[in-house]
């Protein structure tokens, strides 16, 4: 099963650290996973969150790409409604010029933050249902070689080979990705509800395009792997606290693991976290790998992207190392 493994990173800020520490850890992780054969290293745009440092995604991408040699570096994603399509085309054109054949542009429709912050990002702009498809089309036009005759041009960006992905957690982007013939990535690591319906819709309605001849589906999942199931379960309590913060809308820095979550959450909160983290693989390598392989085969995936929210950086490195060992 020759299925690529990739990494999603949010430059997570841990308790007692600052963003600069998170960036150093992200680069170290990128360098290690590149050595181990991971295919991509993507960074996600979020705003107004104490625990996530990847708000200026293209800037951080340049830092990661500059410190690595071959791994593809991308956005997972840039939240397009927060930005002018022309600015995105120019930013990624600059990245692709600096790091040829290594840059991916993943586009999301969500704001990547709360509504108050979204208004601060977008100023007076009010998004409509049609804005995102129109913005994607405009961005693709700026990146096309044919746009050299256009009145507004993305320099650099125009005519460069920058793969554009659509990201989603619902049916909307799945339908649009199928219509435009673009690769599709689903955020099953935190929004599992529509996963199967979305990827099936995408595959069924896919139209071959100049960008892609056949459907290409990548699913993002959570994975925490350690020497033993017990060790992995202990590490995962940091992840559970992070998910609990999402439910409670308290985005504190990633906390150290605890002996038990019993006194930290209520029963309905535990159930909500469990549902949110449906596609999570936690345990020792011998238990996690077969489950991940079964997941890939059941859904006929082309690629799997891994996010691992682990407090200790060395433990996070070991988790990614365990996961890739004997994968292909």
C-alpha atoms as a PDB file:
ATOM      1  CA  UNK A   1       0.000   0.000   0.000  1.00  0.00           C
ATOM      2  CA  UNK A   2       2.052   2.896  -1.294  1.00  0.00           C
ATOM      3  CA  UNK A   3       0.043   5.713   0.290  1.00  0.00           C
ATOM      4  CA  UNK A   4       1.954   8.902   1.185  1.00  0.00           C
ATOM      5  CA  UNK A   5       1.905  10.192   4.729  1.00  0.00           C
ATOM      6  CA  UNK A   6       1.979  13.946   5.319  1.00  0.00           C
ATOM      7  CA  UNK A   7       1.950  16.323   8.291  1.00  0.00           C
ATOM      8  CA  UNK A   8      -0.396  19.108   9.368  1.00  0.00           C
ATOM      9  CA  UNK A   9       1.153  21.530  11.843  1.00  0.00           C
ATOM     10  CA  UNK A  10      -0.440  24.483  13.617  1.00  0.00           C
ATOM     11  CA  UNK A  11       2.716  25.757  15.354  1.00  0.00           C
ATOM     12  CA  UNK A  12       0.979  24.917  18.610  1.00  0.00           C
ATOM     13  CA  UNK A  13       2.097  27.002  21.576  1.00  0.00           C
ATOM     14  CA  UNK A  14       2.485  24.918  24.698  1.00  0.00           C
ATOM     15  CA  UNK A  15       1.993  26.020  28.282  1.00  0.00           C
ATOM     16  CA  UNK A  16       5.070  27.907  29.485  1.00  0.00           C
ATOM     17  CA  UNK A  17       6.388  28.649  25.979  1.00  0.00           C
ATOM     18  CA  UNK A  18       6.048  31.390  23.359  1.00  0.00           C
ATOM     19  CA  UNK A  19       5.431  31.465  19.616  1.00  0.00           C
ATOM     20  CA  UNK A  20       9.170  31.547  18.838  1.00  0.00           C
ATOM     21  CA  UNK A  21       9.537  28.185  20.591  1.00  0.00           C
ATOM     22  CA  UNK A  22       6.673  26.763  18.558  1.00  0.00           C
ATOM     23  CA  UNK A  23       8.326  27.891  15.313  1.00  0.00           C
ATOM     24  CA  UNK A  24      11.630  26.250  16.213  1.00  0.00           C
ATOM     25  CA  UNK A  25       9.787  23.034  17.042  1.00  0.00           C
ATOM     26  CA  UNK A  26       7.861  23.192  13.764  1.00  0.00           C
ATOM     27  CA  UNK A  27      11.075  23.507  11.777  1.00  0.00           C
ATOM     28  CA  UNK A  28      12.689  20.676  13.705  1.00  0.00           C
ATOM     29  CA  UNK A  29       9.634  18.511  13.062  1.00  0.00           C
ATOM     30  CA  UNK A  30       9.673  19.378   9.349  1.00  0.00           C
ATOM     31  CA  UNK A  31      13.345  18.466   9.079  1.00  0.00           C
ATOM     32  CA  UNK A  32      12.795  15.146  10.838  1.00  0.00           C
ATOM     33  CA  UNK A  33       9.731  14.073   8.867  1.00  0.00           C
ATOM     34  CA  UNK A  34      11.456  15.052   5.622  1.00  0.00           C
ATOM     35  CA  UNK A  35      14.268  12.667   6.536  1.00  0.00           C
ATOM     36  CA  UNK A  36      11.736   9.939   7.316  1.00  0.00           C
ATOM     37  CA  UNK A  37       9.993  10.253   3.946  1.00  0.00           C
ATOM     38  CA  UNK A  38       6.835  12.205   4.724  1.00  0.00           C
ATOM     39  CA  UNK A  39       5.434  13.822   1.588  1.00  0.00           C
ATOM     40  CA  UNK A  40       4.062  17.228   2.669  1.00  0.00           C
ATOM     41  CA  UNK A  41       4.248  19.612   5.598  1.00  0.00           C
ATOM     42  CA  UNK A  42       1.235  21.916   5.766  1.00  0.00           C
ATOM     43  CA  UNK A  43       0.473  24.811   8.086  1.00  0.00           C
ATOM     44  CA  UNK A  44      -2.996  26.050   8.971  1.00  0.00           C
ATOM     45  CA  UNK A  45      -4.228  29.643   9.238  1.00  0.00           C
ATOM     46  CA  UNK A  46      -5.854  30.510  12.559  1.00  0.00           C
ATOM     47  CA  UNK A  47      -6.315  33.832  14.339  1.00  0.00           C
ATOM     48  CA  UNK A  48      -6.863  35.163  17.862  1.00  0.00           C
ATOM     49  CA  UNK A  49      -5.915  31.885  19.555  1.00  0.00           C
ATOM     50  CA  UNK A  50      -3.399  31.669  22.396  1.00  0.00           C
ATOM     51  CA  UNK A  51      -2.474  28.111  21.443  1.00  0.00           C
ATOM     52  CA  UNK A  52      -1.825  28.468  17.699  1.00  0.00           C
ATOM     53  CA  UNK A  53       1.028  30.454  16.172  1.00  0.00           C
ATOM     54  CA  UNK A  54       0.404  29.894  12.447  1.00  0.00           C
ATOM     55  CA  UNK A  55      -1.632  33.049  11.768  1.00  0.00           C
ATOM     56  CA  UNK A  56       0.805  34.439   9.163  1.00  0.00           C
ATOM     57  CA  UNK A  57       0.822  31.184   7.224  1.00  0.00           C
ATOM     58  CA  UNK A  58       2.862  32.178   4.118  1.00  0.00           C
ATOM     59  CA  UNK A  59       5.568  33.734   6.319  1.00  0.00           C
ATOM     60  CA  UNK A  60       5.862  30.560   8.356  1.00  0.00           C
ATOM     61  CA  UNK A  61       5.858  28.472   5.172  1.00  0.00           C
ATOM     62  CA  UNK A  62       8.897  30.406   3.947  1.00  0.00           C
ATOM     63  CA  UNK A  63      10.680  29.668   7.235  1.00  0.00           C
ATOM     64  CA  UNK A  64       9.918  25.943   6.968  1.00  0.00           C
ATOM     65  CA  UNK A  65      10.721  25.660   3.267  1.00  0.00           C
ATOM     66  CA  UNK A  66      13.985  27.552   3.775  1.00  0.00           C
ATOM     67  CA  UNK A  67      15.056  25.084   6.453  1.00  0.00           C
ATOM     68  CA  UNK A  68      14.222  21.945   4.468  1.00  0.00           C
ATOM     69  CA  UNK A  69      15.309  20.600   1.101  1.00  0.00           C
ATOM     70  CA  UNK A  70      12.696  18.392  -0.534  1.00  0.00           C
ATOM     71  CA  UNK A  71       9.449  18.035   1.425  1.00  0.00           C
ATOM     72  CA  UNK A  72       6.462  19.881  -0.060  1.00  0.00           C
ATOM     73  CA  UNK A  73       5.378  22.822   2.084  1.00  0.00           C
ATOM     74  CA  UNK A  74       1.839  24.122   1.908  1.00  0.00           C
ATOM     75  CA  UNK A  75      -1.146  25.779   3.506  1.00  0.00           C
ATOM     76  CA  UNK A  76      -3.731  23.616   5.139  1.00  0.00           C
ATOM     77  CA  UNK A  77      -5.056  26.096   4.557  1.00  0.00           C
ATOM     78  CA  UNK A  78      -5.159  29.712   3.661  1.00  0.00           C
ATOM     79  CA  UNK A  79      -8.661  30.916   4.524  1.00  0.00           C
ATOM     80  CA  UNK A  80      -9.461  32.634   1.257  1.00  0.00           C
ATOM     81  CA  UNK A  81     -12.382  34.805   2.445  1.00  0.00           C
ATOM     82  CA  UNK A  82      -9.881  36.612   4.715  1.00  0.00           C
ATOM     83  CA  UNK A  83      -7.711  37.664   1.761  1.00  0.00           C
ATOM     84  CA  UNK A  84      -7.732  39.171  -1.690  1.00  0.00           C
ATOM     85  CA  UNK A  85      -7.214  36.438  -4.331  1.00  0.00           C
ATOM     86  CA  UNK A  86      -4.560  38.645  -5.942  1.00  0.00           C
ATOM     87  CA  UNK A  87      -2.575  38.917  -2.698  1.00  0.00           C
ATOM     88  CA  UNK A  88      -2.713  35.134  -2.232  1.00  0.00           C
ATOM     89  CA  UNK A  89      -1.563  34.583  -5.830  1.00  0.00           C
ATOM     90  CA  UNK A  90       1.368  36.959  -5.334  1.00  0.00           C
ATOM     91  CA  UNK A  91       2.361  35.507  -1.962  1.00  0.00           C
ATOM     92  CA  UNK A  92       2.337  31.929  -3.231  1.00  0.00           C
ATOM     93  CA  UNK A  93       3.941  32.974  -6.487  1.00  0.00           C
ATOM     94  CA  UNK A  94       6.777  34.406  -4.399  1.00  0.00           C
ATOM     95  CA  UNK A  95       7.044  31.180  -2.385  1.00  0.00           C
ATOM     96  CA  UNK A  96       6.996  29.046  -5.532  1.00  0.00           C
ATOM     97  CA  UNK A  97       9.691  31.224  -7.089  1.00  0.00           C
ATOM     98  CA  UNK A  98      11.890  30.811  -4.022  1.00  0.00           C
ATOM     99  CA  UNK A  99      11.173  27.088  -3.617  1.00  0.00           C
ATOM    100  CA  UNK A 100      10.295  25.643  -7.071  1.00  0.00           C
ATOM    101  CA  UNK A 101       8.121  22.516  -7.240  1.00  0.00           C
ATOM    102  CA  UNK A 102       7.698  22.407  -3.460  1.00  0.00           C
ATOM    103  CA  UNK A 103       4.756  24.712  -2.671  1.00  0.00           C
ATOM    104  CA  UNK A 104       1.105  23.682  -2.248  1.00  0.00           C
ATOM    105  CA  UNK A 105      -1.810  26.104  -1.924  1.00  0.00           C
ATOM    106  CA  UNK A 106      -4.649  24.673   0.129  1.00  0.00           C
ATOM    107  CA  UNK A 107      -7.725  26.902   0.340  1.00  0.00           C
ATOM    108  CA  UNK A 108     -10.378  26.945   3.031  1.00  0.00           C
ATOM    109  CA  UNK A 109     -13.706  28.725   3.246  1.00  0.00           C
ATOM    110  CA  UNK A 110     -13.994  29.050   7.048  1.00  0.00           C
ATOM    111  CA  UNK A 111     -12.588  32.149   8.786  1.00  0.00           C
ATOM    112  CA  UNK A 112     -10.186  30.187  10.978  1.00  0.00           C
ATOM    113  CA  UNK A 113     -11.355  32.177  13.989  1.00  0.00           C
ATOM    114  CA  UNK A 114     -14.396  33.637  15.765  1.00  0.00           C
ATOM    115  CA  UNK A 115     -16.814  35.969  14.013  1.00  0.00           C
ATOM    116  CA  UNK A 116     -15.599  39.126  15.769  1.00  0.00           C
ATOM    117  CA  UNK A 117     -12.026  38.462  14.632  1.00  0.00           C
ATOM    118  CA  UNK A 118     -13.278  37.525  11.164  1.00  0.00           C
ATOM    119  CA  UNK A 119     -14.870  40.962  10.878  1.00  0.00           C
ATOM    120  CA  UNK A 120     -11.583  42.564  11.946  1.00  0.00           C
ATOM    121  CA  UNK A 121      -9.778  40.578   9.229  1.00  0.00           C
ATOM    122  CA  UNK A 122     -12.315  41.246   6.495  1.00  0.00           C
ATOM    123  CA  UNK A 123     -13.163  44.810   7.443  1.00  0.00           C
ATOM    124  CA  UNK A 124     -16.364  45.815   5.637  1.00  0.00           C
ATOM    125  CA  UNK A 125     -16.638  42.720   3.455  1.00  0.00           C
ATOM    126  CA  UNK A 126     -19.678  40.484   3.987  1.00  0.00           C
ATOM    127  CA  UNK A 127     -19.271  37.029   2.449  1.00  0.00           C
ATOM    128  CA  UNK A 128     -22.056  35.508   0.362  1.00  0.00           C
ATOM    129  CA  UNK A 129     -22.505  31.881  -0.668  1.00  0.00           C
ATOM    130  CA  UNK A 130     -21.115  32.598  -4.127  1.00  0.00           C
ATOM    131  CA  UNK A 131     -18.075  34.589  -2.988  1.00  0.00           C
ATOM    132  CA  UNK A 132     -15.856  31.593  -2.281  1.00  0.00           C
ATOM    133  CA  UNK A 133     -16.348  29.870  -5.676  1.00  0.00           C
ATOM    134  CA  UNK A 134     -15.829  33.214  -7.411  1.00  0.00           C
ATOM    135  CA  UNK A 135     -12.686  33.915  -5.378  1.00  0.00           C
ATOM    136  CA  UNK A 136     -11.270  30.477  -6.174  1.00  0.00           C
ATOM    137  CA  UNK A 137     -11.887  31.027  -9.880  1.00  0.00           C
ATOM    138  CA  UNK A 138     -10.281  34.464  -9.709  1.00  0.00           C
ATOM    139  CA  UNK A 139      -7.235  33.032  -7.948  1.00  0.00           C
ATOM    140  CA  UNK A 140      -6.892  30.241 -10.524  1.00  0.00           C
ATOM    141  CA  UNK A 141      -7.077  32.858 -13.253  1.00  0.00           C
ATOM    142  CA  UNK A 142      -4.254  34.886 -11.713  1.00  0.00           C
ATOM    143  CA  UNK A 143      -2.079  31.762 -11.532  1.00  0.00           C
ATOM    144  CA  UNK A 144      -2.781  30.734 -15.125  1.00  0.00           C
ATOM    145  CA  UNK A 145      -0.374  31.385 -17.978  1.00  0.00           C
ATOM    146  CA  UNK A 146      -3.295  32.742 -20.035  1.00  0.00           C
ATOM    147  CA  UNK A 147      -3.628  35.661 -17.625  1.00  0.00           C
ATOM    148  CA  UNK A 148      -0.591  37.355 -19.168  1.00  0.00           C
ATOM    149  CA  UNK A 149      -3.124  39.246 -21.297  1.00  0.00           C
ATOM    150  CA  UNK A 150      -5.156  40.270 -18.264  1.00  0.00           C
ATOM    151  CA  UNK A 151      -5.358  43.843 -16.974  1.00  0.00           C
ATOM    152  CA  UNK A 152      -4.529  42.618 -13.453  1.00  0.00           C
ATOM    153  CA  UNK A 153      -1.649  40.149 -13.190  1.00  0.00           C
ATOM    154  CA  UNK A 154       0.011  38.268 -10.324  1.00  0.00           C
ATOM    155  CA  UNK A 155       3.741  38.865 -10.642  1.00  0.00           C
ATOM    156  CA  UNK A 156       5.158  36.487  -9.504  1.00  0.00           C
ATOM    157  CA  UNK A 157       2.572  33.734  -9.643  1.00  0.00           C
ATOM    158  CA  UNK A 158       1.357  33.789 -13.201  1.00  0.00           C
ATOM    159  CA  UNK A 159       2.111  30.551 -15.039  1.00  0.00           C
ATOM    160  CA  UNK A 160       3.848  28.875 -12.099  1.00  0.00           C
ATOM    161  CA  UNK A 161       3.077  25.282 -11.190  1.00  0.00           C
ATOM    162  CA  UNK A 162       1.379  25.733  -7.824  1.00  0.00           C
ATOM    163  CA  UNK A 163      -1.035  22.894  -7.026  1.00  0.00           C
ATOM    164  CA  UNK A 164      -4.288  24.299  -5.641  1.00  0.00           C
ATOM    165  CA  UNK A 165      -6.282  22.165  -3.211  1.00  0.00           C
ATOM    166  CA  UNK A 166      -9.722  22.717  -1.758  1.00  0.00           C
ATOM    167  CA  UNK A 167     -10.141  21.899   1.914  1.00  0.00           C
ATOM    168  CA  UNK A 168     -13.398  21.221   3.644  1.00  0.00           C
ATOM    169  CA  UNK A 169     -15.388  19.797   6.513  1.00  0.00           C
ATOM    170  CA  UNK A 170     -18.776  19.705   4.733  1.00  0.00           C
ATOM    171  CA  UNK A 171     -20.264  18.974   1.328  1.00  0.00           C
ATOM    172  CA  UNK A 172     -19.773  22.500  -0.054  1.00  0.00           C
ATOM    173  CA  UNK A 173     -16.062  22.336  -0.896  1.00  0.00           C
ATOM    174  CA  UNK A 174     -16.369  18.699  -1.980  1.00  0.00           C
ATOM    175  CA  UNK A 175     -18.847  19.711  -4.675  1.00  0.00           C
ATOM    176  CA  UNK A 176     -16.744  22.687  -5.748  1.00  0.00           C
ATOM    177  CA  UNK A 177     -13.525  20.630  -5.888  1.00  0.00           C
ATOM    178  CA  UNK A 178     -15.299  18.055  -8.048  1.00  0.00           C
ATOM    179  CA  UNK A 179     -16.680  20.748 -10.354  1.00  0.00           C
ATOM    180  CA  UNK A 180     -13.275  22.415 -10.815  1.00  0.00           C
ATOM    181  CA  UNK A 181     -11.287  19.180 -11.000  1.00  0.00           C
ATOM    182  CA  UNK A 182      -9.058  19.997  -8.020  1.00  0.00           C
ATOM    183  CA  UNK A 183      -7.593  17.715  -5.331  1.00  0.00           C
ATOM    184  CA  UNK A 184      -9.625  17.596  -2.134  1.00  0.00           C
ATOM    185  CA  UNK A 185      -8.584  17.392   1.522  1.00  0.00           C
ATOM    186  CA  UNK A 186     -11.117  16.703   4.270  1.00  0.00           C
ATOM    187  CA  UNK A 187     -10.707  17.897   7.864  1.00  0.00           C
ATOM    188  CA  UNK A 188     -11.738  14.615   9.445  1.00  0.00           C
ATOM    189  CA  UNK A 189      -9.388  15.286  12.373  1.00  0.00           C
ATOM    190  CA  UNK A 190     -11.932  17.624  13.982  1.00  0.00           C
ATOM    191  CA  UNK A 191     -15.109  17.474  11.836  1.00  0.00           C
ATOM    192  CA  UNK A 192     -15.890  13.808  11.122  1.00  0.00           C
ATOM    193  CA  UNK A 193     -19.652  14.099  10.598  1.00  0.00           C
ATOM    194  CA  UNK A 194     -19.737  14.581   6.820  1.00  0.00           C
ATOM    195  CA  UNK A 195     -16.490  12.812   5.946  1.00  0.00           C
ATOM    196  CA  UNK A 196     -17.867   9.807   4.068  1.00  0.00           C
ATOM    197  CA  UNK A 197     -20.626  11.755   2.329  1.00  0.00           C
ATOM    198  CA  UNK A 198     -18.207  14.486   1.224  1.00  0.00           C
ATOM    199  CA  UNK A 199     -15.521  12.250  -0.262  1.00  0.00           C
ATOM    200  CA  UNK A 200     -18.141  10.094  -1.988  1.00  0.00           C
ATOM    201  CA  UNK A 201     -19.774  13.207  -3.449  1.00  0.00           C
ATOM    202  CA  UNK A 202     -16.394  14.438  -4.643  1.00  0.00           C
ATOM    203  CA  UNK A 203     -15.477  11.137  -6.315  1.00  0.00           C
ATOM    204  CA  UNK A 204     -18.884  10.685  -7.934  1.00  0.00           C
ATOM    205  CA  UNK A 205     -19.051  14.200  -9.410  1.00  0.00           C
ATOM    206  CA  UNK A 206     -15.386  14.762 -10.260  1.00  0.00           C
ATOM    207  CA  UNK A 207     -14.720  16.369 -13.639  1.00  0.00           C
ATOM    208  CA  UNK A 208     -11.228  15.915 -15.131  1.00  0.00           C
ATOM    209  CA  UNK A 209      -9.459  19.227 -15.616  1.00  0.00           C
ATOM    210  CA  UNK A 210      -6.168  20.755 -16.652  1.00  0.00           C
ATOM    211  CA  UNK A 211      -5.151  20.423 -13.005  1.00  0.00           C
ATOM    212  CA  UNK A 212      -6.068  16.805 -12.322  1.00  0.00           C
ATOM    213  CA  UNK A 213      -7.227  13.854 -14.401  1.00  0.00           C
ATOM    214  CA  UNK A 214      -8.757  11.676 -11.666  1.00  0.00           C
ATOM    215  CA  UNK A 215     -10.033  12.376  -8.137  1.00  0.00           C
ATOM    216  CA  UNK A 216      -7.435  12.733  -5.406  1.00  0.00           C
ATOM    217  CA  UNK A 217      -8.562  12.559  -1.766  1.00  0.00           C
ATOM    218  CA  UNK A 218      -6.499  13.277   1.305  1.00  0.00           C
ATOM    219  CA  UNK A 219      -7.927  12.856   4.798  1.00  0.00           C
ATOM    220  CA  UNK A 220      -6.450  14.512   7.861  1.00  0.00           C
ATOM    221  CA  UNK A 221      -6.524  12.430  11.052  1.00  0.00           C
ATOM    222  CA  UNK A 222      -5.172  12.646  14.579  1.00  0.00           C
ATOM    223  CA  UNK A 223      -2.442  10.225  15.610  1.00  0.00           C
ATOM    224  CA  UNK A 224      -0.564   9.831  18.873  1.00  0.00           C
ATOM    225  CA  UNK A 225       1.824   6.880  18.901  1.00  0.00           C
ATOM    226  CA  UNK A 226       4.134   5.781  21.704  1.00  0.00           C
ATOM    227  CA  UNK A 227       5.986   2.657  22.797  1.00  0.00           C
ATOM    228  CA  UNK A 228       2.913   1.334  24.616  1.00  0.00           C
ATOM    229  CA  UNK A 229      -0.825   1.933  24.531  1.00  0.00           C
ATOM    230  CA  UNK A 230      -0.605   3.222  28.094  1.00  0.00           C
ATOM    231  CA  UNK A 231       2.049   5.779  27.193  1.00  0.00           C
ATOM    232  CA  UNK A 232       0.054   6.951  24.171  1.00  0.00           C
ATOM    233  CA  UNK A 233      -3.137   7.275  26.222  1.00  0.00           C
ATOM    234  CA  UNK A 234      -1.252   9.431  28.733  1.00  0.00           C
ATOM    235  CA  UNK A 235       0.143  11.708  26.008  1.00  0.00           C
ATOM    236  CA  UNK A 236      -3.342  12.013  24.510  1.00  0.00           C
ATOM    237  CA  UNK A 237      -4.705  13.774  27.590  1.00  0.00           C
ATOM    238  CA  UNK A 238      -3.049  16.987  26.365  1.00  0.00           C
ATOM    239  CA  UNK A 239      -4.948  16.537  23.117  1.00  0.00           C
ATOM    240  CA  UNK A 240      -8.215  15.955  24.994  1.00  0.00           C
ATOM    241  CA  UNK A 241      -7.700  19.147  26.984  1.00  0.00           C
ATOM    242  CA  UNK A 242      -7.146  21.029  23.719  1.00  0.00           C
ATOM    243  CA  UNK A 243     -10.373  19.608  22.256  1.00  0.00           C
ATOM    244  CA  UNK A 244     -12.223  20.436  25.465  1.00  0.00           C
ATOM    245  CA  UNK A 245     -11.046  24.023  25.093  1.00  0.00           C
ATOM    246  CA  UNK A 246     -12.581  24.145  21.610  1.00  0.00           C
ATOM    247  CA  UNK A 247     -15.920  23.017  23.026  1.00  0.00           C
ATOM    248  CA  UNK A 248     -15.743  25.508  25.880  1.00  0.00           C
ATOM    249  CA  UNK A 249     -14.330  28.236  23.608  1.00  0.00           C
ATOM    250  CA  UNK A 250     -11.266  28.648  25.809  1.00  0.00           C
ATOM    251  CA  UNK A 251      -8.180  28.379  23.601  1.00  0.00           C
ATOM    252  CA  UNK A 252      -5.398  28.123  26.181  1.00  0.00           C
ATOM    253  CA  UNK A 253      -1.856  26.954  25.355  1.00  0.00           C
ATOM    254  CA  UNK A 254      -1.464  23.178  25.046  1.00  0.00           C
ATOM    255  CA  UNK A 255      -1.317  21.708  28.548  1.00  0.00           C
ATOM    256  CA  UNK A 256       0.909  18.929  29.881  1.00  0.00           C
ATOM    257  CA  UNK A 257      -0.643  15.464  30.063  1.00  0.00           C
ATOM    258  CA  UNK A 258      -2.557  14.494  33.192  1.00  0.00           C
ATOM    259  CA  UNK A 259      -3.128  11.189  34.941  1.00  0.00           C
ATOM    260  CA  UNK A 260      -6.885  11.306  34.313  1.00  0.00           C
ATOM    261  CA  UNK A 261      -9.443  13.470  32.559  1.00  0.00           C
ATOM    262  CA  UNK A 262     -12.192  12.391  34.950  1.00  0.00           C
ATOM    263  CA  UNK A 263     -12.267  15.582  37.014  1.00  0.00           C
ATOM    264  CA  UNK A 264     -11.562  17.902  34.077  1.00  0.00           C
ATOM    265  CA  UNK A 265     -14.664  17.346  31.979  1.00  0.00           C
ATOM    266  CA  UNK A 266     -18.350  16.597  32.372  1.00  0.00           C
ATOM    267  CA  UNK A 267     -19.857  13.483  30.818  1.00  0.00           C
ATOM    268  CA  UNK A 268     -21.525  15.375  27.958  1.00  0.00           C
ATOM    269  CA  UNK A 269     -18.232  17.163  27.236  1.00  0.00           C
ATOM    270  CA  UNK A 270     -16.367  13.869  27.143  1.00  0.00           C
ATOM    271  CA  UNK A 271     -18.947  12.539  24.682  1.00  0.00           C
ATOM    272  CA  UNK A 272     -18.605  15.643  22.504  1.00  0.00           C
ATOM    273  CA  UNK A 273     -14.802  15.311  22.447  1.00  0.00           C
ATOM    274  CA  UNK A 274     -15.087  11.626  21.592  1.00  0.00           C
ATOM    275  CA  UNK A 275     -17.377  12.424  18.665  1.00  0.00           C
ATOM    276  CA  UNK A 276     -15.130  15.238  17.436  1.00  0.00           C
ATOM    277  CA  UNK A 277     -12.106  12.936  17.520  1.00  0.00           C
ATOM    278  CA  UNK A 278     -13.713   9.979  15.752  1.00  0.00           C
ATOM    279  CA  UNK A 279     -10.813   9.662  13.336  1.00  0.00           C
ATOM    280  CA  UNK A 280      -8.031   9.477  15.904  1.00  0.00           C
ATOM    281  CA  UNK A 281      -5.428   6.735  16.174  1.00  0.00           C
ATOM    282  CA  UNK A 282      -3.869   6.442  19.606  1.00  0.00           C
ATOM    283  CA  UNK A 283      -1.689   3.605  20.828  1.00  0.00           C
ATOM    284  CA  UNK A 284       1.470   1.631  20.142  1.00  0.00           C
ATOM    285  CA  UNK A 285       2.668   1.119  16.530  1.00  0.00           C
ATOM    286  CA  UNK A 286       1.412  -2.466  16.323  1.00  0.00           C
ATOM    287  CA  UNK A 287      -2.116  -1.337  17.146  1.00  0.00           C
ATOM    288  CA  UNK A 288      -2.227   2.001  15.303  1.00  0.00           C
ATOM    289  CA  UNK A 289      -0.790   0.961  11.942  1.00  0.00           C
ATOM    290  CA  UNK A 290      -3.355  -1.784  11.137  1.00  0.00           C
ATOM    291  CA  UNK A 291      -6.208   0.552  12.068  1.00  0.00           C
ATOM    292  CA  UNK A 292      -4.839   3.316   9.866  1.00  0.00           C
ATOM    293  CA  UNK A 293      -4.333   0.910   6.960  1.00  0.00           C
ATOM    294  CA  UNK A 294      -7.909  -0.293   7.342  1.00  0.00           C
ATOM    295  CA  UNK A 295      -9.107   3.328   7.364  1.00  0.00           C
ATOM    296  CA  UNK A 296      -7.205   4.071   4.147  1.00  0.00           C
ATOM    297  CA  UNK A 297      -8.469   0.977   2.372  1.00  0.00           C
ATOM    298  CA  UNK A 298     -12.074   1.372   3.506  1.00  0.00           C
ATOM    299  CA  UNK A 299     -12.277   4.916   2.151  1.00  0.00           C
ATOM    300  CA  UNK A 300      -9.940   4.412  -0.828  1.00  0.00           C
ATOM    301  CA  UNK A 301      -7.772   7.364   0.130  1.00  0.00           C
ATOM    302  CA  UNK A 302      -4.866   8.646  -1.919  1.00  0.00           C
ATOM    303  CA  UNK A 303      -3.014  10.219   1.007  1.00  0.00           C
ATOM    304  CA  UNK A 304      -3.240  10.645   4.774  1.00  0.00           C
ATOM    305  CA  UNK A 305      -2.229  13.807   6.635  1.00  0.00           C
ATOM    306  CA  UNK A 306      -1.358  13.467  10.311  1.00  0.00           C
ATOM    307  CA  UNK A 307      -1.734  16.011  13.086  1.00  0.00           C
ATOM    308  CA  UNK A 308      -0.313  15.120  16.498  1.00  0.00           C
ATOM    309  CA  UNK A 309      -1.038  17.427  19.415  1.00  0.00           C
ATOM    310  CA  UNK A 310       1.551  16.251  21.943  1.00  0.00           C
ATOM    311  CA  UNK A 311       2.894  18.504  24.690  1.00  0.00           C
ATOM    312  CA  UNK A 312       6.469  17.245  24.722  1.00  0.00           C
ATOM    313  CA  UNK A 313       8.294  17.974  21.479  1.00  0.00           C
ATOM    314  CA  UNK A 314      10.524  14.899  21.648  1.00  0.00           C
ATOM    315  CA  UNK A 315       7.495  12.685  22.246  1.00  0.00           C
ATOM    316  CA  UNK A 316       5.842  14.260  19.214  1.00  0.00           C
ATOM    317  CA  UNK A 317       8.888  13.489  17.081  1.00  0.00           C
ATOM    318  CA  UNK A 318       8.865   9.883  18.290  1.00  0.00           C
ATOM    319  CA  UNK A 319       5.165   9.609  17.457  1.00  0.00           C
ATOM    320  CA  UNK A 320       5.746  10.587  13.827  1.00  0.00           C
ATOM    321  CA  UNK A 321       8.746   8.268  13.693  1.00  0.00           C
ATOM    322  CA  UNK A 322       6.748   5.321  15.016  1.00  0.00           C
ATOM    323  CA  UNK A 323       3.972   5.994  12.525  1.00  0.00           C
ATOM    324  CA  UNK A 324       6.046   6.022   9.362  1.00  0.00           C
ATOM    325  CA  UNK A 325       8.136   2.982  10.288  1.00  0.00           C
ATOM    326  CA  UNK A 326       7.179   0.035   8.055  1.00  0.00           C
ATOM    327  CA  UNK A 327       4.284   2.084   6.577  1.00  0.00           C
ATOM    328  CA  UNK A 328       5.035   1.378   2.891  1.00  0.00           C
END
